[in-house]
Amino acid sequence: MESVMKTLSCIFLLSLFCGQAHSLEESSFCKALVPGEYILPAEDGTWTWCMAPIYDEKGKLHIFNSVIPKKGSWIKHSKIVHWVADQPEGPYTFVEDLFSSDDASYHNPQVSMAGDTYVLVFLLNRYRDANGSKQEVGMATAKSLDGPWTESPLNPVIPASGEMNGCQIVHASNPTFVVTPEGKYRIYYKSMTDKLPLKKGFREISFAESDQIEGPYVNYEANPVISYADQQVDIEDPYAFFYEGMYYMIVEDRRGVQNLLEGNPIPADQIRNGGYRPGLIYKSKDGINWGVPEIGYQTNEIYFGDKLARSERPNILWKDGKPECLFLACHDEDPTAGYFLKIKNWNVE
C-alpha cells in the first residue's frame, strides 16, 4: 500500500512538473509566526550557526548550537556548544563545549526527548575521505540536559554508504529525530547519491528507522521520500515532528522548489543556493508520502526589514507539548547564530 501511495504522489508531482502549476499557499503555521529577536552573538574570531532549543523539566531553556573558528572550516572544525537561559530572549549563559575534537567535526545539532532520554542528533564528519567531506549522522543521549552525554557506540548511526534507489549513498547529514505513534524511532536526514547523469549531488530527504533509540537504524527501502533531483533543484535542513495526529516537516527551499511547483522554475545558472527564499512545510499521515508543500516561514527581510540573508536550519522549541517558537539560523550582517519567531495561536488544519 505504501508503494502505491508513493507512486500516486510521484504521478501527482510529475503532473505539476509537466506544466500544471500549483500556487503554494502560506500555511496556517506560517501565519502564526511573529518576529522575535536575533540571539547568540558570536565571539571574536568565531561564527555561530543554528540553534537546537529545548526546555528541561524545571523550565530552564537549553540551546545547543555550532561554533566555528573564522580561520577554520565548519567541515573540519565545527564544535557543538551548550547554553542556558530563562527565556528565548536570553540572556544566555555559556555552559560548555559539548562535543569538540581534533579528529572530527560536530555540526547542525537537533535535540529531542524520547521517554526519559534526551536525544541529540548531529552531522558528524570524521574525515573518512581524503577530501574531508564524508558527512554522516551521529547521535548522543543523556538522562539530563546537563549531561553526561554519551555518543552512540554505533556512530555514525546513519553512514554515508550503502544503496538507495539503485544508487550509492555518498552523503547523510542534517538529521532530525522523531518518535512515531507506534513507538519506533525515525531519523529524517539530507541524503545524496551518485545518481547519474546529474553527478552534482542534489539534496533529497530520506529516513531511517529503529526499534531502539540508539539503533541500529535501517534506511526505508523506498528512500528518498522527498526529491526534486531530476528537476535539478533541492531542499535541505529538514525539521520533522508529529503533532495532532499528523507528521510535519519544515525545510529550507535551497534552490527554488516553490518556483518549480508554481510553474516558473529559476534558470539553473541564476539560482542562488541557500535559504534566501521562504521555507516550506510539508504534511503527511504516515511520514512517507508528503505531497505538495505550503509556505512554512518567510525571510528575515520580511520579519525584520533587514537585508536579505540565508535563513536556514529550522528548529521548534516546544512547551507543554505545544510549539512555542521557531528558531532559524541566519547569516545576517551581525554575527549571531540566528533568530527566533514566536508561534501564536497556530490553528492546525
Protein backbone atom coordinates (compact mmCIF):
# COMPACT_ATOMS: atom_id res chain seq x y z
CA MET A 1 0.00 0.00 0.00
CA GLU A 2 2.88 2.37 0.88
CA SER A 3 4.47 1.83 -2.53
CA VAL A 4 1.13 2.51 -4.25
CA MET A 5 0.66 5.76 -2.33
CA LYS A 6 4.19 6.83 -3.13
CA THR A 7 3.63 6.09 -6.81
CA LEU A 8 0.44 8.18 -6.83
CA SER A 9 2.28 11.00 -5.09
CA CYS A 10 5.05 10.86 -7.68
CA ILE A 11 2.48 10.91 -10.50
CA PHE A 12 0.86 13.99 -8.95
CA LEU A 13 4.19 15.77 -8.64
CA LEU A 14 5.09 14.77 -12.20
CA SER A 15 1.88 16.40 -13.42
CA LEU A 16 3.00 19.61 -11.72
CA PHE A 17 6.40 19.45 -13.36
CA CYS A 18 4.73 18.90 -16.74
CA GLY A 19 3.00 22.26 -16.68
CA GLN A 20 0.08 22.05 -14.25
CA ALA A 21 1.29 24.79 -11.94
CA HIS A 22 0.19 24.81 -8.33
CA SER A 23 0.38 28.09 -6.43
CA LEU A 24 1.83 27.46 -2.98
CA GLU A 25 -0.28 28.98 -0.21
CA GLU A 26 1.00 30.43 3.03
CA SER A 27 0.39 27.74 5.63
CA SER A 28 -1.50 28.27 8.87
CA PHE A 29 1.82 27.60 10.60
CA CYS A 30 3.46 30.46 8.72
CA LYS A 31 0.55 32.79 9.51
CA ALA A 32 1.06 32.09 13.21
CA LEU A 33 4.70 33.29 13.23
CA VAL A 34 5.52 36.58 14.96
CA PRO A 35 9.01 38.17 14.91
CA GLY A 36 11.15 37.64 17.99
CA GLU A 37 14.82 38.59 18.23
CA TYR A 38 18.28 37.81 16.90
CA ILE A 39 20.26 35.97 19.60
CA LEU A 40 23.62 34.41 20.50
CA PRO A 41 26.20 36.81 19.03
CA ALA A 42 29.48 35.21 18.06
CA GLU A 43 32.67 35.78 19.99
CA ASP A 44 35.58 37.42 18.19
CA GLY A 45 37.28 35.03 15.83
CA THR A 46 34.29 32.70 15.54
CA TRP A 47 30.97 32.42 13.81
CA THR A 48 27.91 30.68 15.21
CA TRP A 49 25.31 28.66 13.37
CA CYS A 50 21.95 27.03 14.08
CA MET A 51 20.12 26.57 17.36
CA ALA A 52 18.57 23.44 18.81
CA PRO A 53 16.33 24.58 21.71
CA ILE A 54 14.64 22.55 24.46
CA TYR A 55 13.25 23.13 27.97
CA ASP A 56 14.29 20.92 30.86
CA GLU A 57 11.89 19.58 33.47
CA LYS A 58 12.34 22.74 35.58
CA GLY A 59 11.56 25.12 32.72
CA LYS A 60 15.15 26.18 32.02
CA LEU A 61 15.86 26.75 28.33
CA HIS A 62 18.85 24.94 26.83
CA ILE A 63 20.30 25.61 23.39
CA PHE A 64 22.85 23.52 21.52
CA ASN A 65 24.49 25.10 18.51
CA SER A 66 27.54 25.07 16.25
CA VAL A 67 30.59 27.29 16.71
CA ILE A 68 33.28 27.50 14.04
CA PRO A 69 36.59 29.41 14.05
CA LYS A 70 36.71 32.03 11.31
CA LYS A 71 40.15 30.78 10.31
CA GLY A 72 38.83 27.24 10.03
CA SER A 73 36.10 25.35 8.19
CA TRP A 74 32.81 24.02 9.51
CA ILE A 75 33.57 20.79 7.62
CA LYS A 76 36.63 20.18 9.79
CA HIS A 77 36.47 22.47 12.82
CA SER A 78 32.87 22.85 13.98
CA LYS A 79 32.00 22.05 17.59
CA ILE A 80 28.67 21.78 19.42
CA VAL A 81 28.32 24.05 22.45
CA HIS A 82 25.70 24.35 25.19
CA TRP A 83 23.92 27.48 26.50
CA VAL A 84 21.16 28.09 29.07
CA ALA A 85 18.65 30.89 29.59
CA ASP A 86 15.35 31.56 31.34
CA GLN A 87 13.56 32.64 28.17
CA PRO A 88 14.14 32.70 24.38
CA GLU A 89 15.16 36.37 24.51
CA GLY A 90 18.01 35.49 26.87
CA PRO A 91 20.37 36.48 28.35
CA TYR A 92 22.27 33.28 27.62
CA THR A 93 24.96 31.75 29.79
CA PHE A 94 27.63 29.57 28.22
CA VAL A 95 27.81 26.11 29.79
CA GLU A 96 30.41 24.09 27.91
CA ASP A 97 31.88 22.81 24.69
CA LEU A 98 29.77 19.68 24.48
CA PHE A 99 31.35 17.92 21.51
CA SER A 100 34.69 19.10 20.18
CA SER A 101 37.51 17.09 18.61
CA ASP A 102 40.67 17.50 16.58
CA ASP A 103 39.65 14.41 14.64
CA ALA A 104 36.02 15.16 13.85
CA SER A 105 33.59 17.97 13.13
CA TYR A 106 30.31 18.13 15.06
CA HIS A 107 27.71 20.33 13.37
CA ASN A 108 23.98 21.07 12.93
CA PRO A 109 22.57 19.55 16.16
CA GLN A 110 18.91 18.82 16.81
CA VAL A 111 17.65 17.84 20.28
CA SER A 112 14.54 15.92 21.36
CA MET A 113 13.19 13.95 24.30
CA ALA A 114 12.07 10.33 23.98
CA GLY A 115 10.57 8.97 27.20
CA ASP A 116 13.14 9.73 29.90
CA THR A 117 16.03 10.13 27.45
CA TYR A 118 17.32 13.25 25.74
CA VAL A 119 18.48 12.60 22.19
CA LEU A 120 20.94 14.79 20.31
CA VAL A 121 21.48 14.06 16.63
CA PHE A 122 24.04 15.90 14.53
CA LEU A 123 26.18 15.99 11.42
CA LEU A 124 29.35 14.01 12.09
CA ASN A 125 32.41 14.30 9.87
CA ARG A 126 35.32 12.05 10.78
CA TYR A 127 37.36 12.73 7.60
CA ARG A 128 36.92 9.24 6.21
CA ASP A 129 37.64 10.53 2.72
CA ALA A 130 40.78 12.29 1.58
CA ASN A 131 38.69 15.38 0.78
CA GLY A 132 37.37 15.54 4.35
CA SER A 133 33.72 15.72 3.36
CA LYS A 134 32.29 12.35 4.33
CA GLN A 135 29.29 13.74 6.18
CA GLU A 136 27.28 11.23 8.22
CA VAL A 137 24.74 11.20 11.07
CA GLY A 138 25.81 10.92 14.69
CA MET A 139 23.84 10.59 17.93
CA ALA A 140 24.36 11.12 21.64
CA THR A 141 21.98 10.50 24.57
CA ALA A 142 21.64 11.67 28.17
CA LYS A 143 19.23 11.42 31.08
CA SER A 144 19.73 15.11 31.86
CA LEU A 145 20.38 18.09 29.59
CA ASP A 146 23.29 18.86 31.91
CA GLY A 147 24.82 15.52 30.96
CA PRO A 148 26.72 13.38 30.95
CA TRP A 149 26.18 12.84 27.23
CA THR A 150 27.19 9.53 25.67
CA GLU A 151 27.87 9.11 21.97
CA SER A 152 26.23 6.07 20.44
CA PRO A 153 28.62 3.13 20.05
CA LEU A 154 27.05 2.74 16.60
CA ASN A 155 28.14 6.18 15.38
CA PRO A 156 27.71 7.07 12.64
CA VAL A 157 24.17 5.76 13.18
CA ILE A 158 23.44 6.58 9.53
CA PRO A 159 26.60 6.16 7.46
CA ALA A 160 27.19 7.63 4.02
CA SER A 161 27.31 4.21 2.44
CA GLY A 162 25.04 1.54 1.00
CA GLU A 163 22.44 1.63 -1.74
CA MET A 164 19.45 3.90 -2.22
CA ASN A 165 17.03 3.59 -5.12
CA GLY A 166 19.62 1.80 -7.23
CA CYS A 167 22.38 4.33 -6.50
CA GLN A 168 25.19 4.55 -3.95
CA ILE A 169 24.70 6.80 -0.92
CA VAL A 170 27.52 9.35 -0.73
CA HIS A 171 26.18 11.74 1.91
CA ALA A 172 23.96 11.65 5.04
CA SER A 173 23.62 14.74 7.23
CA ASN A 174 21.43 17.38 8.92
CA PRO A 175 19.30 14.89 10.89
CA THR A 176 16.03 15.35 12.76
CA PHE A 177 14.68 12.81 15.26
CA VAL A 178 11.03 11.75 15.62
CA VAL A 179 9.21 9.24 17.82
CA THR A 180 6.42 7.62 15.79
CA PRO A 181 2.92 6.94 17.18
CA GLU A 182 3.84 3.23 17.08
CA GLY A 183 6.78 3.82 19.41
CA LYS A 184 9.51 3.49 16.80
CA TYR A 185 12.30 5.99 16.25
CA ARG A 186 12.93 7.76 12.97
CA ILE A 187 15.76 9.96 11.80
CA TYR A 188 14.97 12.05 8.73
CA TYR A 189 18.05 13.43 7.04
CA LYS A 190 19.52 15.07 3.97
CA SER A 191 20.77 12.40 1.59
CA MET A 192 22.71 12.48 -1.65
CA THR A 193 23.65 9.69 -4.03
CA ASP A 194 25.87 9.21 -7.06
CA LYS A 195 22.81 9.19 -9.30
CA LEU A 196 23.79 9.74 -12.93
CA PRO A 197 23.80 11.71 -15.16
CA LEU A 198 23.28 14.52 -12.61
CA LYS A 199 26.56 13.95 -10.73
CA LYS A 200 26.10 17.16 -8.71
CA GLY A 201 24.63 15.53 -5.63
CA PHE A 202 21.26 17.22 -5.41
CA ARG A 203 19.87 17.07 -1.90
CA GLU A 204 16.98 14.74 -1.12
CA ILE A 205 15.16 13.81 2.10
CA SER A 206 15.31 10.23 3.38
CA PHE A 207 14.74 8.48 6.69
CA ALA A 208 15.94 5.51 8.69
CA GLU A 209 14.03 3.75 11.49
CA SER A 210 14.82 1.67 14.57
CA ASP A 211 13.07 -0.11 17.43
CA GLN A 212 15.70 1.26 19.83
CA ILE A 213 16.78 4.86 20.35
CA GLU A 214 20.44 4.16 19.72
CA GLY A 215 19.78 1.89 16.76
CA PRO A 216 20.68 0.16 14.61
CA TYR A 217 18.83 2.39 12.13
CA VAL A 218 17.66 0.86 8.85
CA ASN A 219 17.02 3.01 5.80
CA TYR A 220 13.48 2.97 4.43
CA GLU A 221 13.53 0.73 1.36
CA ALA A 222 11.86 3.30 -0.91
CA ASN A 223 14.08 6.27 0.01
CA PRO A 224 14.21 9.15 -0.78
CA VAL A 225 10.77 10.25 0.39
CA ILE A 226 11.08 13.81 -0.96
CA SER A 227 13.17 14.56 -4.02
CA TYR A 228 13.36 17.07 -6.85
CA ALA A 229 16.77 15.87 -8.03
CA ASP A 230 15.53 15.01 -11.51
CA GLN A 231 14.50 18.65 -11.89
CA GLN A 232 17.93 19.76 -10.53
CA VAL A 233 16.51 21.69 -7.58
CA ASP A 234 16.52 20.63 -3.97
CA ILE A 235 15.68 21.25 -0.32
CA GLU A 236 17.60 20.58 2.89
CA ASP A 237 17.63 21.14 6.66
CA PRO A 238 14.54 19.07 7.50
CA TYR A 239 12.88 19.50 10.87
CA ALA A 240 10.27 16.77 11.28
CA PHE A 241 7.71 16.31 14.06
CA PHE A 242 4.45 14.51 14.85
CA TYR A 243 1.65 16.73 16.14
CA GLU A 244 -2.12 16.48 16.41
CA GLY A 245 -2.21 13.18 14.54
CA MET A 246 -0.03 14.24 11.59
CA TYR A 247 3.61 14.34 10.58
CA TYR A 248 5.04 17.72 9.58
CA MET A 249 8.35 18.66 8.04
CA ILE A 250 9.78 22.18 7.76
CA VAL A 251 12.61 22.60 5.27
CA GLU A 252 14.83 25.19 3.64
CA ASP A 253 13.96 25.79 -0.03
CA ARG A 254 17.57 25.76 -1.20
CA ARG A 255 17.17 26.02 -4.99
CA GLY A 256 13.66 27.23 -5.75
CA VAL A 257 11.28 24.32 -5.26
CA GLN A 258 8.46 26.84 -4.83
CA ASN A 259 9.25 28.35 -8.23
CA LEU A 260 9.35 24.89 -9.79
CA LEU A 261 5.98 23.84 -8.36
CA GLU A 262 4.39 27.14 -9.40
CA GLY A 263 5.47 26.59 -13.00
CA ASN A 264 8.12 29.29 -13.04
CA PRO A 265 11.43 27.49 -12.41
CA ILE A 266 14.55 29.60 -11.91
CA PRO A 267 17.11 29.06 -14.70
CA ALA A 268 19.88 26.85 -13.31
CA ASP A 269 22.57 29.46 -13.90
CA GLN A 270 20.57 32.06 -11.95
CA ILE A 271 19.80 30.04 -8.81
CA ARG A 272 21.30 31.46 -5.62
CA ASN A 273 21.85 28.42 -3.41
CA GLY A 274 20.72 28.64 0.21
CA GLY A 275 17.88 29.96 2.35
CA TYR A 276 17.37 33.22 0.52
CA ARG A 277 13.69 32.40 -0.03
CA PRO A 278 10.73 31.34 2.14
CA GLY A 279 10.93 27.91 3.75
CA LEU A 280 8.42 25.14 3.08
CA ILE A 281 6.26 22.97 5.32
CA TYR A 282 5.02 19.50 4.34
CA LYS A 283 2.26 17.46 5.94
CA SER A 284 1.79 13.68 5.92
CA LYS A 285 -0.35 10.99 7.51
CA ASP A 286 2.42 8.39 7.53
CA GLY A 287 5.64 10.38 7.31
CA ILE A 288 6.37 8.74 3.95
CA ASN A 289 4.06 10.37 1.42
CA TRP A 290 4.46 14.12 1.72
CA GLY A 291 2.70 15.58 -1.32
CA VAL A 292 2.89 19.29 -2.16
CA PRO A 293 4.18 21.74 0.48
CA GLU A 294 2.95 25.14 1.61
CA ILE A 295 4.97 28.16 2.67
CA GLY A 296 6.38 27.38 6.12
CA TYR A 297 8.14 30.61 7.04
CA GLN A 298 9.18 33.86 5.40
CA THR A 299 12.62 35.51 5.21
CA ASN A 300 14.49 37.71 7.69
CA GLU A 301 13.82 40.58 5.27
CA ILE A 302 10.07 40.11 5.76
CA TYR A 303 10.17 39.65 9.54
CA PHE A 304 12.73 42.29 10.50
CA GLY A 305 13.12 44.56 7.47
CA ASP A 306 16.80 43.61 7.26
CA LYS A 307 18.93 42.90 4.22
CA LEU A 308 18.01 39.50 2.81
CA ALA A 309 20.20 36.76 4.31
CA ARG A 310 20.16 32.98 4.48
CA SER A 311 17.51 31.76 6.95
CA GLU A 312 18.06 28.04 7.46
CA ARG A 313 18.11 25.15 9.98
CA PRO A 314 14.52 25.40 11.36
CA ASN A 315 14.05 24.02 14.88
CA ILE A 316 10.97 24.26 17.09
CA LEU A 317 11.02 25.00 20.82
CA TRP A 318 8.23 23.01 22.50
CA LYS A 319 6.49 23.92 25.75
CA ASP A 320 3.94 21.68 27.46
CA GLY A 321 3.54 19.67 24.26
CA LYS A 322 2.86 22.70 22.05
CA PRO A 323 5.16 24.59 19.67
CA GLU A 324 6.22 27.89 21.25
CA CYS A 325 8.94 29.29 18.94
CA LEU A 326 10.60 28.58 15.62
CA PHE A 327 14.37 29.09 15.68
CA LEU A 328 16.25 29.79 12.43
CA ALA A 329 19.96 30.11 11.73
CA CYS A 330 20.76 33.26 9.77
CA HIS A 331 23.85 34.63 8.03
CA ASP A 332 22.88 38.24 8.63
CA GLU A 333 25.32 41.15 8.75
CA ASP A 334 25.52 40.97 12.55
CA PRO A 335 27.35 37.83 13.72
CA THR A 336 24.59 35.98 15.57
CA ALA A 337 23.51 32.35 15.48
CA GLY A 338 20.16 33.49 14.09
CA TYR A 339 16.74 34.48 15.34
CA PHE A 340 13.52 33.07 16.73
CA LEU A 341 9.89 33.63 15.78
CA LYS A 342 7.06 33.23 18.26
CA ILE A 343 4.29 30.80 17.29
CA LYS A 344 0.99 32.45 18.20
CA ASN A 345 -2.31 30.53 18.02
CA TRP A 346 -1.40 28.03 15.31
CA ASN A 347 -4.69 26.61 14.08
CA VAL A 348 -3.83 23.14 12.78
CA GLU A 349 -5.91 22.49 9.66
